[in-house]
Amino acid sequence: MKQLIKVMKALSDPSRVKIVKMLQHRVMCVCEIQAALNLAQSTVSKHLRVLEDAGLLRHEKEGLWVNYHLTDGSNSPYAASLLGNLKHWLDDDLEIVHLVEILPSIKREEVCR
């Protein structure tokens, strides 16, 4: 039960749901997520840590960048199920639509200085 609760709590925050929805479209670094959501870097980092602890995403260091990706949920059936469902949920939500529309204009070389 603890694993289910951890995943559900991770997705109980609107900003974390938005992060998951953005990562469905592309790999992102902290500063790109920060620019998209207009949040402080420390806040974004805390959200990413919660999502990672729940098994919903992972990070990889690539040179100077730390890239965040969604997982396949293989470590948690709850994470896998919710990630699978979230692919189809909220695609008509105005905030999500707006975020997806602005993603191509957010370039790490410009926002991460």
PDB file of N, CA and C in Angstrom:
ATOM      1  N   MET A   1       0.812  -1.189   0.000  1.00  0.00           N
ATOM      2  CA  MET A   1       0.000   0.000   0.000  1.00  0.00           C
ATOM      3  C   MET A   1       0.867   1.269   0.000  1.00  0.00           C
ATOM      4  N   LYS A   2       2.026   1.224   0.638  1.00  0.00           N
ATOM      5  CA  LYS A   2       2.877   2.418   0.716  1.00  0.00           C
ATOM      6  C   LYS A   2       3.302   2.912  -0.661  1.00  0.00           C
ATOM      7  N   GLN A   3       3.576   1.976  -1.549  1.00  0.00           N
ATOM      8  CA  GLN A   3       4.001   2.352  -2.894  1.00  0.00           C
ATOM      9  C   GLN A   3       2.872   3.075  -3.651  1.00  0.00           C
ATOM     10  N   LEU A   4       1.649   2.586  -3.521  1.00  0.00           N
ATOM     11  CA  LEU A   4       0.496   3.226  -4.156  1.00  0.00           C
ATOM     12  C   LEU A   4       0.313   4.641  -3.616  1.00  0.00           C
ATOM     13  N   ILE A   5       0.372   4.796  -2.310  1.00  0.00           N
ATOM     14  CA  ILE A   5       0.177   6.104  -1.682  1.00  0.00           C
ATOM     15  C   ILE A   5       1.259   7.081  -2.148  1.00  0.00           C
ATOM     16  N   LYS A   6       2.503   6.613  -2.270  1.00  0.00           N
ATOM     17  CA  LYS A   6       3.601   7.476  -2.716  1.00  0.00           C
ATOM     18  C   LYS A   6       3.340   8.003  -4.132  1.00  0.00           C
ATOM     19  N   VAL A   7       2.871   7.128  -5.027  1.00  0.00           N
ATOM     20  CA  VAL A   7       2.572   7.536  -6.398  1.00  0.00           C
ATOM     21  C   VAL A   7       1.392   8.506  -6.420  1.00  0.00           C
ATOM     22  N   MET A   8       0.362   8.195  -5.663  1.00  0.00           N
ATOM     23  CA  MET A   8      -0.823   9.061  -5.636  1.00  0.00           C
ATOM     24  C   MET A   8      -0.479  10.437  -5.065  1.00  0.00           C
ATOM     25  N   LYS A   9       0.313  10.474  -4.010  1.00  0.00           N
ATOM     26  CA  LYS A   9       0.722  11.759  -3.432  1.00  0.00           C
ATOM     27  C   LYS A   9       1.574  12.552  -4.413  1.00  0.00           C
ATOM     28  N   ALA A  10       2.435  11.854  -5.142  1.00  0.00           N
ATOM     29  CA  ALA A  10       3.285  12.543  -6.115  1.00  0.00           C
ATOM     30  C   ALA A  10       2.444  13.229  -7.181  1.00  0.00           C
ATOM     31  N   LEU A  11       1.331  12.639  -7.544  1.00  0.00           N
ATOM     32  CA  LEU A  11       0.471  13.200  -8.582  1.00  0.00           C
ATOM     33  C   LEU A  11      -0.674  14.038  -8.019  1.00  0.00           C
ATOM     34  N   SER A  12      -0.610  14.348  -6.731  1.00  0.00           N
ATOM     35  CA  SER A  12      -1.674  15.142  -6.115  1.00  0.00           C
ATOM     36  C   SER A  12      -1.439  16.647  -6.247  1.00  0.00           C
ATOM     37  N   ASP A  13      -0.312  17.021  -6.803  1.00  0.00           N
ATOM     38  CA  ASP A  13       0.015  18.437  -6.964  1.00  0.00           C
ATOM     39  C   ASP A  13      -0.101  18.815  -8.441  1.00  0.00           C
ATOM     40  N   PRO A  14      -0.816  19.901  -8.755  1.00  0.00           N
ATOM     41  CA  PRO A  14      -0.985  20.303 -10.163  1.00  0.00           C
ATOM     42  C   PRO A  14       0.331  20.545 -10.898  1.00  0.00           C
ATOM     43  N   SER A  15       1.308  21.115 -10.233  1.00  0.00           N
ATOM     44  CA  SER A  15       2.595  21.370 -10.898  1.00  0.00           C
ATOM     45  C   SER A  15       3.280  20.067 -11.285  1.00  0.00           C
ATOM     46  N   ARG A  16       3.180  19.061 -10.429  1.00  0.00           N
ATOM     47  CA  ARG A  16       3.805  17.772 -10.743  1.00  0.00           C
ATOM     48  C   ARG A  16       3.081  17.071 -11.893  1.00  0.00           C
ATOM     49  N   VAL A  17       1.771  17.215 -11.959  1.00  0.00           N
ATOM     50  CA  VAL A  17       1.026  16.651 -13.091  1.00  0.00           C
ATOM     51  C   VAL A  17       1.458  17.358 -14.371  1.00  0.00           C
ATOM     52  N   LYS A  18       1.621  18.661 -14.323  1.00  0.00           N
ATOM     53  CA  LYS A  18       2.066  19.414 -15.497  1.00  0.00           C
ATOM     54  C   LYS A  18       3.457  18.962 -15.940  1.00  0.00           C
ATOM     55  N   ILE A  19       4.336  18.711 -14.993  1.00  0.00           N
ATOM     56  CA  ILE A  19       5.680  18.231 -15.319  1.00  0.00           C
ATOM     57  C   ILE A  19       5.590  16.891 -16.051  1.00  0.00           C
ATOM     58  N   VAL A  20       4.772  15.991 -15.547  1.00  0.00           N
ATOM     59  CA  VAL A  20       4.604  14.691 -16.204  1.00  0.00           C
ATOM     60  C   VAL A  20       4.074  14.875 -17.621  1.00  0.00           C
ATOM     61  N   LYS A  21       3.077  15.734 -17.775  1.00  0.00           N
ATOM     62  CA  LYS A  21       2.503  15.956 -19.106  1.00  0.00           C
ATOM     63  C   LYS A  21       3.544  16.550 -20.064  1.00  0.00           C
ATOM     64  N   MET A  22       4.390  17.449 -19.581  1.00  0.00           N
ATOM     65  CA  MET A  22       5.431  18.014 -20.445  1.00  0.00           C
ATOM     66  C   MET A  22       6.462  16.956 -20.826  1.00  0.00           C
ATOM     67  N   LEU A  23       6.830  16.125 -19.855  1.00  0.00           N
ATOM     68  CA  LEU A  23       7.834  15.100 -20.130  1.00  0.00           C
ATOM     69  C   LEU A  23       7.302  14.009 -21.057  1.00  0.00           C
ATOM     70  N   GLN A  24       6.004  13.947 -21.250  1.00  0.00           N
ATOM     71  CA  GLN A  24       5.456  13.035 -22.249  1.00  0.00           C
ATOM     72  C   GLN A  24       5.852  13.485 -23.652  1.00  0.00           C
ATOM     73  N   HIS A  25       6.148  14.765 -23.799  1.00  0.00           N
ATOM     74  CA  HIS A  25       6.447  15.322 -25.111  1.00  0.00           C
ATOM     75  C   HIS A  25       7.930  15.442 -25.402  1.00  0.00           C
ATOM     76  N   ARG A  26       8.729  15.604 -24.338  1.00  0.00           N
ATOM     77  CA  ARG A  26      10.170  15.714 -24.559  1.00  0.00           C
ATOM     78  C   ARG A  26      10.935  15.623 -23.253  1.00  0.00           C
ATOM     79  N   VAL A  27      12.202  15.322 -23.373  1.00  0.00           N
ATOM     80  CA  VAL A  27      13.127  15.332 -22.245  1.00  0.00           C
ATOM     81  C   VAL A  27      13.389  16.790 -21.898  1.00  0.00           C
ATOM     82  N   MET A  28      13.482  17.081 -20.604  1.00  0.00           N
ATOM     83  CA  MET A  28      13.699  18.469 -20.190  1.00  0.00           C
ATOM     84  C   MET A  28      14.670  18.529 -19.017  1.00  0.00           C
ATOM     85  N   CYS A  29      15.332  19.675 -18.886  1.00  0.00           N
ATOM     86  CA  CYS A  29      16.169  19.943 -17.719  1.00  0.00           C
ATOM     87  C   CYS A  29      15.393  20.844 -16.757  1.00  0.00           C
ATOM     88  N   VAL A  30      15.947  21.045 -15.575  1.00  0.00           N
ATOM     89  CA  VAL A  30      15.268  21.833 -14.542  1.00  0.00           C
ATOM     90  C   VAL A  30      14.948  23.244 -15.029  1.00  0.00           C
ATOM     91  N   CYS A  31      15.916  23.886 -15.673  1.00  0.00           N
ATOM     92  CA  CYS A  31      15.671  25.282 -16.069  1.00  0.00           C
ATOM     93  C   CYS A  31      14.600  25.390 -17.149  1.00  0.00           C
ATOM     94  N   GLU A  32      14.461  24.377 -18.010  1.00  0.00           N
ATOM     95  CA  GLU A  32      13.395  24.394 -19.014  1.00  0.00           C
ATOM     96  C   GLU A  32      12.034  24.243 -18.345  1.00  0.00           C
ATOM     97  N   ILE A  33      11.959  23.352 -17.367  1.00  0.00           N
ATOM     98  CA  ILE A  33      10.710  23.158 -16.621  1.00  0.00           C
ATOM     99  C   ILE A  33      10.382  24.426 -15.844  1.00  0.00           C
ATOM    100  N   GLN A  34      11.394  25.010 -15.245  1.00  0.00           N
ATOM    101  CA  GLN A  34      11.232  26.262 -14.497  1.00  0.00           C
ATOM    102  C   GLN A  34      10.673  27.351 -15.407  1.00  0.00           C
ATOM    103  N   ALA A  35      11.202  27.473 -16.614  1.00  0.00           N
ATOM    104  CA  ALA A  35      10.729  28.488 -17.551  1.00  0.00           C
ATOM    105  C   ALA A  35       9.288  28.227 -17.979  1.00  0.00           C
ATOM    106  N   ALA A  36       8.951  26.971 -18.213  1.00  0.00           N
ATOM    107  CA  ALA A  36       7.602  26.626 -18.668  1.00  0.00           C
ATOM    108  C   ALA A  36       6.560  26.899 -17.589  1.00  0.00           C
ATOM    109  N   LEU A  37       6.897  26.573 -16.342  1.00  0.00           N
ATOM    110  CA  LEU A  37       5.931  26.698 -15.246  1.00  0.00           C
ATOM    111  C   LEU A  37       6.054  28.004 -14.473  1.00  0.00           C
ATOM    112  N   ASN A  38       7.103  28.783 -14.753  1.00  0.00           N
ATOM    113  CA  ASN A  38       7.339  30.037 -14.047  1.00  0.00           C
ATOM    114  C   ASN A  38       7.427  29.806 -12.534  1.00  0.00           C
ATOM    115  N   LEU A  39       8.234  28.827 -12.165  1.00  0.00           N
ATOM    116  CA  LEU A  39       8.457  28.485 -10.762  1.00  0.00           C
ATOM    117  C   LEU A  39       9.931  28.670 -10.422  1.00  0.00           C
ATOM    118  N   ALA A  40      10.225  28.800  -9.143  1.00  0.00           N
ATOM    119  CA  ALA A  40      11.610  28.896  -8.694  1.00  0.00           C
ATOM    120  C   ALA A  40      12.327  27.569  -8.926  1.00  0.00           C
ATOM    121  N   GLN A  41      13.635  27.653  -9.153  1.00  0.00           N
ATOM    122  CA  GLN A  41      14.429  26.449  -9.401  1.00  0.00           C
ATOM    123  C   GLN A  41      14.323  25.468  -8.245  1.00  0.00           C
ATOM    124  N   SER A  42      14.343  25.962  -7.023  1.00  0.00           N
ATOM    125  CA  SER A  42      14.268  25.070  -5.863  1.00  0.00           C
ATOM    126  C   SER A  42      12.918  24.355  -5.805  1.00  0.00           C
ATOM    127  N   THR A  43      11.856  25.031  -6.186  1.00  0.00           N
ATOM    128  CA  THR A  43      10.525  24.422  -6.201  1.00  0.00           C
ATOM    129  C   THR A  43      10.454  23.329  -7.250  1.00  0.00           C
ATOM    130  N   VAL A  44      10.976  23.602  -8.438  1.00  0.00           N
ATOM    131  CA  VAL A  44      10.984  22.591  -9.503  1.00  0.00           C
ATOM    132  C   VAL A  44      11.805  21.382  -9.060  1.00  0.00           C
ATOM    133  N   SER A  45      12.960  21.623  -8.463  1.00  0.00           N
ATOM    134  CA  SER A  45      13.804  20.515  -8.001  1.00  0.00           C
ATOM    135  C   SER A  45      13.094  19.651  -6.971  1.00  0.00           C
ATOM    136  N   LYS A  46      12.359  20.268  -6.063  1.00  0.00           N
ATOM    137  CA  LYS A  46      11.601  19.498  -5.065  1.00  0.00           C
ATOM    138  C   LYS A  46      10.526  18.661  -5.738  1.00  0.00           C
ATOM    139  N   HIS A  47       9.814  19.238  -6.703  1.00  0.00           N
ATOM    140  CA  HIS A  47       8.790  18.483  -7.425  1.00  0.00           C
ATOM    141  C   HIS A  47       9.410  17.301  -8.166  1.00  0.00           C
ATOM    142  N   LEU A  48      10.545  17.521  -8.796  1.00  0.00           N
ATOM    143  CA  LEU A  48      11.210  16.443  -9.531  1.00  0.00           C
ATOM    144  C   LEU A  48      11.651  15.330  -8.593  1.00  0.00           C
ATOM    145  N   ARG A  49      12.130  15.690  -7.429  1.00  0.00           N
ATOM    146  CA  ARG A  49      12.563  14.688  -6.449  1.00  0.00           C
ATOM    147  C   ARG A  49      11.381  13.826  -5.998  1.00  0.00           C
ATOM    148  N   VAL A  50      10.228  14.444  -5.749  1.00  0.00           N
ATOM    149  CA  VAL A  50       9.029  13.704  -5.343  1.00  0.00           C
ATOM    150  C   VAL A  50       8.605  12.740  -6.447  1.00  0.00           C
ATOM    151  N   LEU A  51       8.597  13.226  -7.689  1.00  0.00           N
ATOM    152  CA  LEU A  51       8.208  12.376  -8.822  1.00  0.00           C
ATOM    153  C   LEU A  51       9.198  11.234  -9.027  1.00  0.00           C
ATOM    154  N   GLU A  52      10.464  11.517  -8.844  1.00  0.00           N
ATOM    155  CA  GLU A  52      11.483  10.478  -9.003  1.00  0.00           C
ATOM    156  C   GLU A  52      11.378   9.436  -7.889  1.00  0.00           C
ATOM    157  N   ASP A  53      11.175   9.893  -6.659  1.00  0.00           N
ATOM    158  CA  ASP A  53      11.023   8.969  -5.526  1.00  0.00           C
ATOM    159  C   ASP A  53       9.822   8.049  -5.693  1.00  0.00           C
ATOM    160  N   ALA A  54       8.809   8.525  -6.397  1.00  0.00           N
ATOM    161  CA  ALA A  54       7.605   7.724  -6.633  1.00  0.00           C
ATOM    162  C   ALA A  54       7.772   6.775  -7.823  1.00  0.00           C
ATOM    163  N   GLY A  55       8.902   6.866  -8.517  1.00  0.00           N
ATOM    164  CA  GLY A  55       9.154   5.989  -9.649  1.00  0.00           C
ATOM    165  C   GLY A  55       8.528   6.448 -10.951  1.00  0.00           C
ATOM    166  N   LEU A  56       8.139   7.718 -11.022  1.00  0.00           N
ATOM    167  CA  LEU A  56       7.488   8.237 -12.218  1.00  0.00           C
ATOM    168  C   LEU A  56       8.467   8.815 -13.236  1.00  0.00           C
ATOM    169  N   LEU A  57       9.620   9.255 -12.765  1.00  0.00           N
ATOM    170  CA  LEU A  57      10.625   9.768 -13.690  1.00  0.00           C
ATOM    171  C   LEU A  57      12.012   9.437 -13.181  1.00  0.00           C
ATOM    172  N   ARG A  58      12.967   9.666 -14.064  1.00  0.00           N
ATOM    173  CA  ARG A  58      14.372   9.441 -13.725  1.00  0.00           C
ATOM    174  C   ARG A  58      15.188  10.548 -14.361  1.00  0.00           C
ATOM    175  N   HIS A  59      16.421  10.659 -13.930  1.00  0.00           N
ATOM    176  CA  HIS A  59      17.301  11.667 -14.517  1.00  0.00           C
ATOM    177  C   HIS A  59      18.577  11.015 -15.017  1.00  0.00           C
ATOM    178  N   GLU A  60      19.181  11.673 -15.983  1.00  0.00           N
ATOM    179  CA  GLU A  60      20.472  11.250 -16.519  1.00  0.00           C
ATOM    180  C   GLU A  60      21.330  12.483 -16.711  1.00  0.00           C
ATOM    181  N   LYS A  61      22.561  12.387 -16.288  1.00  0.00           N
ATOM    182  CA  LYS A  61      23.499  13.499 -16.493  1.00  0.00           C
ATOM    183  C   LYS A  61      24.116  13.336 -17.874  1.00  0.00           C
ATOM    184  N   GLU A  62      24.098  14.419 -18.621  1.00  0.00           N
ATOM    185  CA  GLU A  62      24.673  14.436 -19.964  1.00  0.00           C
ATOM    186  C   GLU A  62      25.509  15.699 -20.087  1.00  0.00           C
ATOM    187  N   GLY A  63      26.793  15.572 -19.829  1.00  0.00           N
ATOM    188  CA  GLY A  63      27.664  16.747 -19.823  1.00  0.00           C
ATOM    189  C   GLY A  63      27.243  17.694 -18.718  1.00  0.00           C
ATOM    190  N   LEU A  64      26.941  18.930 -19.080  1.00  0.00           N
ATOM    191  CA  LEU A  64      26.509  19.928 -18.103  1.00  0.00           C
ATOM    192  C   LEU A  64      25.046  19.800 -17.731  1.00  0.00           C
ATOM    193  N   TRP A  65      24.285  19.039 -18.509  1.00  0.00           N
ATOM    194  CA  TRP A  65      22.840  18.973 -18.333  1.00  0.00           C
ATOM    195  C   TRP A  65      22.432  17.768 -17.506  1.00  0.00           C
ATOM    196  N   VAL A  66      21.373  17.949 -16.732  1.00  0.00           N
ATOM    197  CA  VAL A  66      20.698  16.830 -16.077  1.00  0.00           C
ATOM    198  C   VAL A  66      19.332  16.751 -16.734  1.00  0.00           C
ATOM    199  N   ASN A  67      19.119  15.679 -17.480  1.00  0.00           N
ATOM    200  CA  ASN A  67      17.890  15.504 -18.251  1.00  0.00           C
ATOM    201  C   ASN A  67      16.902  14.632 -17.496  1.00  0.00           C
ATOM    202  N   TYR A  68      15.654  15.040 -17.510  1.00  0.00           N
ATOM    203  CA  TYR A  68      14.588  14.291 -16.852  1.00  0.00           C
ATOM    204  C   TYR A  68      13.706  13.628 -17.896  1.00  0.00           C
ATOM    205  N   HIS A  69      13.407  12.338 -17.657  1.00  0.00           N
ATOM    206  CA  HIS A  69      12.600  11.508 -18.551  1.00  0.00           C
ATOM    207  C   HIS A  69      11.527  10.822 -17.721  1.00  0.00           C
ATOM    208  N   LEU A  70      10.426  10.487 -18.337  1.00  0.00           N
ATOM    209  CA  LEU A  70       9.454   9.619 -17.673  1.00  0.00           C
ATOM    210  C   LEU A  70      10.017   8.206 -17.667  1.00  0.00           C
ATOM    211  N   THR A  71       9.679   7.448 -16.647  1.00  0.00           N
ATOM    212  CA  THR A  71      10.085   6.041 -16.619  1.00  0.00           C
ATOM    213  C   THR A  71       9.050   5.214 -17.368  1.00  0.00           C
ATOM    214  N   ASP A  72       9.350   3.932 -17.515  1.00  0.00           N
ATOM    215  CA  ASP A  72       8.353   3.031 -18.079  1.00  0.00           C
ATOM    216  C   ASP A  72       7.491   2.431 -16.969  1.00  0.00           C
ATOM    217  N   GLY A  73       7.792   2.812 -15.733  1.00  0.00           N
ATOM    218  CA  GLY A  73       7.014   2.331 -14.600  1.00  0.00           C
ATOM    219  C   GLY A  73       7.333   0.902 -14.207  1.00  0.00           C
ATOM    220  N   SER A  74       8.440   0.364 -14.708  1.00  0.00           N
ATOM    221  CA  SER A  74       8.757  -1.046 -14.449  1.00  0.00           C
ATOM    222  C   SER A  74       9.035  -1.348 -12.981  1.00  0.00           C
ATOM    223  N   ASN A  75       9.381  -0.352 -12.200  1.00  0.00           N
ATOM    224  CA  ASN A  75       9.643  -0.574 -10.776  1.00  0.00           C
ATOM    225  C   ASN A  75       8.389  -0.499  -9.918  1.00  0.00           C
ATOM    226  N   SER A  76       7.283  -0.075 -10.499  1.00  0.00           N
ATOM    227  CA  SER A  76       6.049   0.054  -9.740  1.00  0.00           C
ATOM    228  C   SER A  76       4.848  -0.140 -10.660  1.00  0.00           C
ATOM    229  N   PRO A  77       4.001  -1.112 -10.369  1.00  0.00           N
ATOM    230  CA  PRO A  77       2.805  -1.276 -11.201  1.00  0.00           C
ATOM    231  C   PRO A  77       1.874  -0.068 -11.106  1.00  0.00           C
ATOM    232  N   TYR A  78       1.907   0.633  -9.988  1.00  0.00           N
ATOM    233  CA  TYR A  78       1.058   1.814  -9.811  1.00  0.00           C
ATOM    234  C   TYR A  78       1.568   2.962 -10.681  1.00  0.00           C
ATOM    235  N   ALA A  79       2.883   3.156 -10.694  1.00  0.00           N
ATOM    236  CA  ALA A  79       3.462   4.188 -11.548  1.00  0.00           C
ATOM    237  C   ALA A  79       3.191   3.865 -13.016  1.00  0.00           C
ATOM    238  N   ALA A  80       3.374   2.609 -13.392  1.00  0.00           N
ATOM    239  CA  ALA A  80       3.141   2.202 -14.784  1.00  0.00           C
ATOM    240  C   ALA A  80       1.694   2.465 -15.198  1.00  0.00           C
ATOM    241  N   SER A  81       0.768   2.103 -14.345  1.00  0.00           N
ATOM    242  CA  SER A  81      -0.646   2.272 -14.656  1.00  0.00           C
ATOM    243  C   SER A  81      -1.020   3.745 -14.786  1.00  0.00           C
ATOM    244  N   LEU A  82      -0.581   4.543 -13.838  1.00  0.00           N
ATOM    245  CA  LEU A  82      -0.929   5.960 -13.885  1.00  0.00           C
ATOM    246  C   LEU A  82      -0.239   6.693 -15.030  1.00  0.00           C
ATOM    247  N   LEU A  83       1.015   6.337 -15.310  1.00  0.00           N
ATOM    248  CA  LEU A  83       1.688   6.956 -16.450  1.00  0.00           C
ATOM    249  C   LEU A  83       0.988   6.595 -17.757  1.00  0.00           C
ATOM    250  N   GLY A  84       0.549   5.348 -17.855  1.00  0.00           N
ATOM    251  CA  GLY A  84      -0.182   4.922 -19.046  1.00  0.00           C
ATOM    252  C   GLY A  84      -1.487   5.673 -19.215  1.00  0.00           C
ATOM    253  N   ASN A  85      -2.210   5.851 -18.135  1.00  0.00           N
ATOM    254  CA  ASN A  85      -3.477   6.582 -18.205  1.00  0.00           C
ATOM    255  C   ASN A  85      -3.261   8.068 -18.454  1.00  0.00           C
ATOM    256  N   LEU A  86      -2.251   8.646 -17.829  1.00  0.00           N
ATOM    257  CA  LEU A  86      -2.000  10.078 -17.993  1.00  0.00           C
ATOM    258  C   LEU A  86      -1.662  10.449 -19.432  1.00  0.00           C
ATOM    259  N   LYS A  87      -1.204   9.471 -20.223  1.00  0.00           N
ATOM    260  CA  LYS A  87      -0.934   9.760 -21.639  1.00  0.00           C
ATOM    261  C   LYS A  87      -2.190  10.247 -22.344  1.00  0.00           C
ATOM    262  N   HIS A  88      -3.350   9.802 -21.860  1.00  0.00           N
ATOM    263  CA  HIS A  88      -4.613  10.116 -22.522  1.00  0.00           C
ATOM    264  C   HIS A  88      -5.467  11.113 -21.738  1.00  0.00           C
ATOM    265  N   TRP A  89      -5.090  11.377 -20.513  1.00  0.00           N
ATOM    266  CA  TRP A  89      -5.855  12.284 -19.673  1.00  0.00           C
ATOM    267  C   TRP A  89      -5.349  13.715 -19.831  1.00  0.00           C
ATOM    268  N   LEU A  90      -6.244  14.658 -19.672  1.00  0.00           N
ATOM    269  CA  LEU A  90      -5.956  16.098 -19.580  1.00  0.00           C
ATOM    270  C   LEU A  90      -5.451  16.730 -20.875  1.00  0.00           C
ATOM    271  N   ASP A  91      -5.509  16.011 -21.980  1.00  0.00           N
ATOM    272  CA  ASP A  91      -5.030  16.593 -23.233  1.00  0.00           C
ATOM    273  C   ASP A  91      -5.894  17.746 -23.718  1.00  0.00           C
ATOM    274  N   ASP A  92      -7.098  17.873 -23.178  1.00  0.00           N
ATOM    275  CA  ASP A  92      -7.965  18.989 -23.550  1.00  0.00           C
ATOM    276  C   ASP A  92      -8.004  20.076 -22.474  1.00  0.00           C
ATOM    277  N   ASP A  93      -7.244  19.901 -21.408  1.00  0.00           N
ATOM    278  CA  ASP A  93      -7.155  20.908 -20.351  1.00  0.00           C
ATOM    279  C   ASP A  93      -6.409  22.130 -20.893  1.00  0.00           C
ATOM    280  N   LEU A  94      -6.963  23.308 -20.716  1.00  0.00           N
ATOM    281  CA  LEU A  94      -6.382  24.519 -21.299  1.00  0.00           C
ATOM    282  C   LEU A  94      -4.950  24.795 -20.835  1.00  0.00           C
ATOM    283  N   GLU A  95      -4.661  24.550 -19.574  1.00  0.00           N
ATOM    284  CA  GLU A  95      -3.294  24.769 -19.082  1.00  0.00           C
ATOM    285  C   GLU A  95      -2.313  23.801 -19.734  1.00  0.00           C
ATOM    286  N   ILE A  96      -2.728  22.551 -19.881  1.00  0.00           N
ATOM    287  CA  ILE A  96      -1.869  21.541 -20.503  1.00  0.00           C
ATOM    288  C   ILE A  96      -1.682  21.864 -21.985  1.00  0.00           C
ATOM    289  N   VAL A  97      -2.749  22.232 -22.655  1.00  0.00           N
ATOM    290  CA  VAL A  97      -2.663  22.604 -24.076  1.00  0.00           C
ATOM    291  C   VAL A  97      -1.666  23.747 -24.251  1.00  0.00           C
ATOM    292  N   HIS A  98      -1.760  24.762 -23.395  1.00  0.00           N
ATOM    293  CA  HIS A  98      -0.845  25.905 -23.474  1.00  0.00           C
ATOM    294  C   HIS A  98       0.601  25.457 -23.253  1.00  0.00           C
ATOM    295  N   LEU A  99       0.844  24.636 -22.237  1.00  0.00           N
ATOM    296  CA  LEU A  99       2.208  24.167 -21.960  1.00  0.00           C
ATOM    297  C   LEU A  99       2.785  23.411 -23.153  1.00  0.00           C
ATOM    298  N   VAL A 100       1.998  22.539 -23.731  1.00  0.00           N
ATOM    299  CA  VAL A 100       2.462  21.753 -24.877  1.00  0.00           C
ATOM    300  C   VAL A 100       2.763  22.672 -26.065  1.00  0.00           C
ATOM    301  N   GLU A 101       1.970  23.706 -26.230  1.00  0.00           N
ATOM    302  CA  GLU A 101       2.190  24.644 -27.331  1.00  0.00           C
ATOM    303  C   GLU A 101       3.486  25.445 -27.179  1.00  0.00           C
ATOM    304  N   ILE A 102       3.836  25.788 -25.939  1.00  0.00           N
ATOM    305  CA  ILE A 102       5.040  26.613 -25.744  1.00  0.00           C
ATOM    306  C   ILE A 102       6.328  25.792 -25.649  1.00  0.00           C
ATOM    307  N   LEU A 103       6.223  24.480 -25.483  1.00  0.00           N
ATOM    308  CA  LEU A 103       7.424  23.655 -25.328  1.00  0.00           C
ATOM    309  C   LEU A 103       8.456  23.852 -26.443  1.00  0.00           C
ATOM    310  N   PRO A 104       8.048  23.898 -27.706  1.00  0.00           N
ATOM    311  CA  PRO A 104       9.074  24.070 -28.753  1.00  0.00           C
ATOM    312  C   PRO A 104       9.855  25.385 -28.646  1.00  0.00           C
ATOM    313  N   SER A 105       9.276  26.392 -28.026  1.00  0.00           N
ATOM    314  CA  SER A 105       9.959  27.687 -27.925  1.00  0.00           C
ATOM    315  C   SER A 105      10.898  27.755 -26.722  1.00  0.00           C
ATOM    316  N   ILE A 106      10.849  26.752 -25.851  1.00  0.00           N
ATOM    317  CA  ILE A 106      11.716  26.752 -24.669  1.00  0.00           C
ATOM    318  C   ILE A 106      12.975  25.956 -24.997  1.00  0.00           C
ATOM    319  N   LYS A 107      14.076  26.684 -25.138  1.00  0.00           N
ATOM    320  CA  LYS A 107      15.344  26.064 -25.508  1.00  0.00           C
ATOM    321  C   LYS A 107      16.337  26.280 -24.384  1.00  0.00           C
ATOM    322  N   ARG A 108      16.913  25.180 -23.925  1.00  0.00           N
ATOM    323  CA  ARG A 108      17.817  25.247 -22.774  1.00  0.00           C
ATOM    324  C   ARG A 108      18.979  26.207 -22.979  1.00  0.00           C
ATOM    325  N   GLU A 109      19.465  26.315 -24.197  1.00  0.00           N
ATOM    326  CA  GLU A 109      20.582  27.207 -24.462  1.00  0.00           C
ATOM    327  C   GLU A 109      20.212  28.663 -24.192  1.00  0.00           C
ATOM    328  N   GLU A 110      18.933  28.976 -24.269  1.00  0.00           N
ATOM    329  CA  GLU A 110      18.488  30.347 -24.048  1.00  0.00           C
ATOM    330  C   GLU A 110      18.046  30.592 -22.597  1.00  0.00           C
ATOM    331  N   VAL A 111      17.446  29.594 -21.956  1.00  0.00           N
ATOM    332  CA  VAL A 111      16.896  29.817 -20.606  1.00  0.00           C
ATOM    333  C   VAL A 111      17.865  29.406 -19.495  1.00  0.00           C
ATOM    334  N   CYS A 112      18.860  28.614 -19.801  1.00  0.00           N
ATOM    335  CA  CYS A 112      19.794  28.115 -18.770  1.00  0.00           C
ATOM    336  C   CYS A 112      21.115  28.845 -18.866  1.00  0.00           C
ATOM    337  N   ARG A 113      21.152  30.038 -18.386  1.00  0.00           N
ATOM    338  CA  ARG A 113      22.390  30.819 -18.467  1.00  0.00           C
ATOM    339  C   ARG A 113      22.970  31.036 -17.125  1.00  0.00           C
TER     340      ARG A 113
END
